[in-house]
Amino acid sequence: MTEEEIEEMLLLMEQTANMLRGMAMDPSIPTHAKQALRARIAELDAMVEKFA
């Protein structure tokens, strides 16, 4: 994987985490689903931090 491809992948992961953050604020989404979203956000954030 090239450095450019890695940067692109990290950007996509960060954008996905941001989208999930927005979804987690939606009052129509059940609490248990929001907890799952927050867990996945934490995983994405950790992975981006690891490789950034």
PDB file of N, CA and C in Angstrom:
ATOM      1  N   MET A   1       0.838  -1.166   0.000  1.00  0.00           N
ATOM      2  CA  MET A   1       0.000   0.000   0.000  1.00  0.00           C
ATOM      3  C   MET A   1       0.892   1.242   0.000  1.00  0.00           C
ATOM      4  N   THR A   2       0.558   2.175  -0.848  1.00  0.00           N
ATOM      5  CA  THR A   2       1.344   3.404  -0.902  1.00  0.00           C
ATOM      6  C   THR A   2       0.928   4.339   0.234  1.00  0.00           C
ATOM      7  N   GLU A   3       1.772   5.330   0.474  1.00  0.00           N
ATOM      8  CA  GLU A   3       1.461   6.305   1.515  1.00  0.00           C
ATOM      9  C   GLU A   3       0.175   7.059   1.176  1.00  0.00           C
ATOM     10  N   GLU A   4      -0.012   7.345  -0.099  1.00  0.00           N
ATOM     11  CA  GLU A   4      -1.234   8.043  -0.539  1.00  0.00           C
ATOM     12  C   GLU A   4      -2.475   7.190  -0.272  1.00  0.00           C
ATOM     13  N   GLU A   5      -2.383   5.907  -0.525  1.00  0.00           N
ATOM     14  CA  GLU A   5      -3.510   5.001  -0.279  1.00  0.00           C
ATOM     15  C   GLU A   5      -3.824   4.903   1.204  1.00  0.00           C
ATOM     16  N   ILE A   6      -2.793   4.893   2.025  1.00  0.00           N
ATOM     17  CA  ILE A   6      -2.986   4.839   3.472  1.00  0.00           C
ATOM     18  C   ILE A   6      -3.673   6.112   3.952  1.00  0.00           C
ATOM     19  N   GLU A   7      -3.221   7.262   3.452  1.00  0.00           N
ATOM     20  CA  GLU A   7      -3.842   8.533   3.814  1.00  0.00           C
ATOM     21  C   GLU A   7      -5.316   8.545   3.409  1.00  0.00           C
ATOM     22  N   GLU A   8      -5.601   8.030   2.227  1.00  0.00           N
ATOM     23  CA  GLU A   8      -6.972   7.970   1.731  1.00  0.00           C
ATOM     24  C   GLU A   8      -7.839   7.076   2.625  1.00  0.00           C
ATOM     25  N   MET A   9      -7.276   5.944   3.037  1.00  0.00           N
ATOM     26  CA  MET A   9      -7.997   5.021   3.906  1.00  0.00           C
ATOM     27  C   MET A   9      -8.263   5.661   5.277  1.00  0.00           C
ATOM     28  N   LEU A  10      -7.267   6.340   5.821  1.00  0.00           N
ATOM     29  CA  LEU A  10      -7.437   6.992   7.111  1.00  0.00           C
ATOM     30  C   LEU A  10      -8.482   8.094   7.037  1.00  0.00           C
ATOM     31  N   LEU A  11      -8.488   8.836   5.951  1.00  0.00           N
ATOM     32  CA  LEU A  11      -9.485   9.887   5.776  1.00  0.00           C
ATOM     33  C   LEU A  11     -10.885   9.287   5.710  1.00  0.00           C
ATOM     34  N   LEU A  12     -11.042   8.201   4.989  1.00  0.00           N
ATOM     35  CA  LEU A  12     -12.339   7.532   4.903  1.00  0.00           C
ATOM     36  C   LEU A  12     -12.785   7.036   6.274  1.00  0.00           C
ATOM     37  N   MET A  13     -11.868   6.484   7.050  1.00  0.00           N
ATOM     38  CA  MET A  13     -12.205   6.013   8.397  1.00  0.00           C
ATOM     39  C   MET A  13     -12.633   7.171   9.289  1.00  0.00           C
ATOM     40  N   GLU A  14     -11.931   8.284   9.179  1.00  0.00           N
ATOM     41  CA  GLU A  14     -12.272   9.452   9.984  1.00  0.00           C
ATOM     42  C   GLU A  14     -13.640  10.002   9.579  1.00  0.00           C
ATOM     43  N   GLN A  15     -13.910  10.063   8.289  1.00  0.00           N
ATOM     44  CA  GLN A  15     -15.202  10.544   7.804  1.00  0.00           C
ATOM     45  C   GLN A  15     -16.327   9.615   8.252  1.00  0.00           C
ATOM     46  N   THR A  16     -16.062   8.327   8.248  1.00  0.00           N
ATOM     47  CA  THR A  16     -17.063   7.355   8.689  1.00  0.00           C
ATOM     48  C   THR A  16     -17.359   7.538  10.171  1.00  0.00           C
ATOM     49  N   ALA A  17     -16.323   7.735  10.975  1.00  0.00           N
ATOM     50  CA  ALA A  17     -16.523   7.978  12.405  1.00  0.00           C
ATOM     51  C   ALA A  17     -17.358   9.234  12.622  1.00  0.00           C
ATOM     52  N   ASN A  18     -17.100  10.266  11.832  1.00  0.00           N
ATOM     53  CA  ASN A  18     -17.872  11.505  11.962  1.00  0.00           C
ATOM     54  C   ASN A  18     -19.333  11.292  11.581  1.00  0.00           C
ATOM     55  N   MET A  19     -19.584  10.497  10.557  1.00  0.00           N
ATOM     56  CA  MET A  19     -20.954  10.195  10.164  1.00  0.00           C
ATOM     57  C   MET A  19     -21.669   9.438  11.284  1.00  0.00           C
ATOM     58  N   LEU A  20     -20.967   8.481  11.890  1.00  0.00           N
ATOM     59  CA  LEU A  20     -21.548   7.721  12.992  1.00  0.00           C
ATOM     60  C   LEU A  20     -21.829   8.618  14.195  1.00  0.00           C
ATOM     61  N   ARG A  21     -20.950   9.598  14.446  1.00  0.00           N
ATOM     62  CA  ARG A  21     -21.186  10.541  15.535  1.00  0.00           C
ATOM     63  C   ARG A  21     -22.503  11.281  15.312  1.00  0.00           C
ATOM     64  N   GLY A  22     -22.720  11.706  14.087  1.00  0.00           N
ATOM     65  CA  GLY A  22     -23.975  12.381  13.754  1.00  0.00           C
ATOM     66  C   GLY A  22     -25.169  11.479  13.960  1.00  0.00           C
ATOM     67  N   MET A  23     -25.059  10.238  13.549  1.00  0.00           N
ATOM     68  CA  MET A  23     -26.159   9.288  13.723  1.00  0.00           C
ATOM     69  C   MET A  23     -26.427   9.047  15.207  1.00  0.00           C
ATOM     70  N   ALA A  24     -25.374   9.029  16.017  1.00  0.00           N
ATOM     71  CA  ALA A  24     -25.524   8.772  17.451  1.00  0.00           C
ATOM     72  C   ALA A  24     -26.283   9.901  18.152  1.00  0.00           C
ATOM     73  N   MET A  25     -26.388  11.041  17.512  1.00  0.00           N
ATOM     74  CA  MET A  25     -27.126  12.163  18.098  1.00  0.00           C
ATOM     75  C   MET A  25     -28.588  12.184  17.646  1.00  0.00           C
ATOM     76  N   ASP A  26     -28.964  11.300  16.754  1.00  0.00           N
ATOM     77  CA  ASP A  26     -30.331  11.246  16.228  1.00  0.00           C
ATOM     78  C   ASP A  26     -31.261  10.666  17.291  1.00  0.00           C
ATOM     79  N   PRO A  27     -32.249  11.432  17.737  1.00  0.00           N
ATOM     80  CA  PRO A  27     -33.141  10.952  18.795  1.00  0.00           C
ATOM     81  C   PRO A  27     -34.022   9.772  18.366  1.00  0.00           C
ATOM     82  N   SER A  28     -34.146   9.528  17.081  1.00  0.00           N
ATOM     83  CA  SER A  28     -34.989   8.422  16.631  1.00  0.00           C
ATOM     84  C   SER A  28     -34.273   7.068  16.688  1.00  0.00           C
ATOM     85  N   ILE A  29     -32.965   7.080  16.918  1.00  0.00           N
ATOM     86  CA  ILE A  29     -32.199   5.832  16.994  1.00  0.00           C
ATOM     87  C   ILE A  29     -32.233   5.334  18.441  1.00  0.00           C
ATOM     88  N   PRO A  30     -32.568   4.062  18.651  1.00  0.00           N
ATOM     89  CA  PRO A  30     -32.647   3.511  20.015  1.00  0.00           C
ATOM     90  C   PRO A  30     -31.311   3.594  20.763  1.00  0.00           C
ATOM     91  N   THR A  31     -31.410   3.680  22.070  1.00  0.00           N
ATOM     92  CA  THR A  31     -30.222   3.814  22.922  1.00  0.00           C
ATOM     93  C   THR A  31     -29.233   2.684  22.715  1.00  0.00           C
ATOM     94  N   HIS A  32     -29.710   1.448  22.597  1.00  0.00           N
ATOM     95  CA  HIS A  32     -28.779   0.325  22.433  1.00  0.00           C
ATOM     96  C   HIS A  32     -28.009   0.438  21.116  1.00  0.00           C
ATOM     97  N   ALA A  33     -28.645   0.980  20.097  1.00  0.00           N
ATOM     98  CA  ALA A  33     -27.961   1.173  18.818  1.00  0.00           C
ATOM     99  C   ALA A  33     -26.929   2.291  18.930  1.00  0.00           C
ATOM    100  N   LYS A  34     -27.264   3.332  19.691  1.00  0.00           N
ATOM    101  CA  LYS A  34     -26.320   4.429  19.895  1.00  0.00           C
ATOM    102  C   LYS A  34     -25.081   3.947  20.632  1.00  0.00           C
ATOM    103  N   GLN A  35     -25.262   3.042  21.581  1.00  0.00           N
ATOM    104  CA  GLN A  35     -24.120   2.487  22.309  1.00  0.00           C
ATOM    105  C   GLN A  35     -23.211   1.714  21.357  1.00  0.00           C
ATOM    106  N   ALA A  36     -23.807   0.978  20.438  1.00  0.00           N
ATOM    107  CA  ALA A  36     -23.025   0.236  19.443  1.00  0.00           C
ATOM    108  C   ALA A  36     -22.286   1.199  18.518  1.00  0.00           C
ATOM    109  N   LEU A  37     -22.952   2.282  18.137  1.00  0.00           N
ATOM    110  CA  LEU A  37     -22.305   3.291  17.292  1.00  0.00           C
ATOM    111  C   LEU A  37     -21.100   3.893  18.007  1.00  0.00           C
ATOM    112  N   ARG A  38     -21.287   4.247  19.271  1.00  0.00           N
ATOM    113  CA  ARG A  38     -20.194   4.862  20.033  1.00  0.00           C
ATOM    114  C   ARG A  38     -19.008   3.907  20.186  1.00  0.00           C
ATOM    115  N   ALA A  39     -19.284   2.630  20.355  1.00  0.00           N
ATOM    116  CA  ALA A  39     -18.206   1.644  20.462  1.00  0.00           C
ATOM    117  C   ALA A  39     -17.423   1.569  19.150  1.00  0.00           C
ATOM    118  N   ARG A  40     -18.134   1.591  18.042  1.00  0.00           N
ATOM    119  CA  ARG A  40     -17.463   1.522  16.740  1.00  0.00           C
ATOM    120  C   ARG A  40     -16.688   2.810  16.465  1.00  0.00           C
ATOM    121  N   ILE A  41     -17.232   3.942  16.886  1.00  0.00           N
ATOM    122  CA  ILE A  41     -16.535   5.224  16.739  1.00  0.00           C
ATOM    123  C   ILE A  41     -15.204   5.173  17.478  1.00  0.00           C
ATOM    124  N   ALA A  42     -15.221   4.645  18.688  1.00  0.00           N
ATOM    125  CA  ALA A  42     -13.994   4.544  19.485  1.00  0.00           C
ATOM    126  C   ALA A  42     -12.963   3.669  18.785  1.00  0.00           C
ATOM    127  N   GLU A  43     -13.411   2.572  18.184  1.00  0.00           N
ATOM    128  CA  GLU A  43     -12.495   1.691  17.456  1.00  0.00           C
ATOM    129  C   GLU A  43     -11.890   2.404  16.255  1.00  0.00           C
ATOM    130  N   LEU A  44     -12.721   3.105  15.510  1.00  0.00           N
ATOM    131  CA  LEU A  44     -12.226   3.842  14.341  1.00  0.00           C
ATOM    132  C   LEU A  44     -11.242   4.931  14.766  1.00  0.00           C
ATOM    133  N   ASP A  45     -11.589   5.684  15.802  1.00  0.00           N
ATOM    134  CA  ASP A  45     -10.698   6.736  16.287  1.00  0.00           C
ATOM    135  C   ASP A  45      -9.348   6.166  16.715  1.00  0.00           C
ATOM    136  N   ALA A  46      -9.364   5.053  17.410  1.00  0.00           N
ATOM    137  CA  ALA A  46      -8.123   4.425  17.870  1.00  0.00           C
ATOM    138  C   ALA A  46      -7.268   3.987  16.687  1.00  0.00           C
ATOM    139  N   MET A  47      -7.899   3.431  15.670  1.00  0.00           N
ATOM    140  CA  MET A  47      -7.149   2.965  14.502  1.00  0.00           C
ATOM    141  C   MET A  47      -6.545   4.145  13.734  1.00  0.00           C
ATOM    142  N   VAL A  48      -7.311   5.206  13.578  1.00  0.00           N
ATOM    143  CA  VAL A  48      -6.805   6.387  12.880  1.00  0.00           C
ATOM    144  C   VAL A  48      -5.628   6.978  13.657  1.00  0.00           C
ATOM    145  N   GLU A  49      -5.749   7.068  14.970  1.00  0.00           N
ATOM    146  CA  GLU A  49      -4.671   7.600  15.806  1.00  0.00           C
ATOM    147  C   GLU A  49      -3.408   6.738  15.696  1.00  0.00           C
ATOM    148  N   LYS A  50      -3.595   5.445  15.636  1.00  0.00           N
ATOM    149  CA  LYS A  50      -2.475   4.518  15.575  1.00  0.00           C
ATOM    150  C   LYS A  50      -1.642   4.733  14.316  1.00  0.00           C
ATOM    151  N   PHE A  51      -2.290   5.024  13.208  1.00  0.00           N
ATOM    152  CA  PHE A  51      -1.599   5.128  11.934  1.00  0.00           C
ATOM    153  C   PHE A  51      -1.404   6.549  11.436  1.00  0.00           C
ATOM    154  N   ALA A  52      -1.957   7.518  12.142  1.00  0.00           N
ATOM    155  CA  ALA A  52      -1.824   8.914  11.690  1.00  0.00           C
ATOM    156  C   ALA A  52      -0.479   9.499  12.068  1.00  0.00           C
TER     157      ALA A  52
END
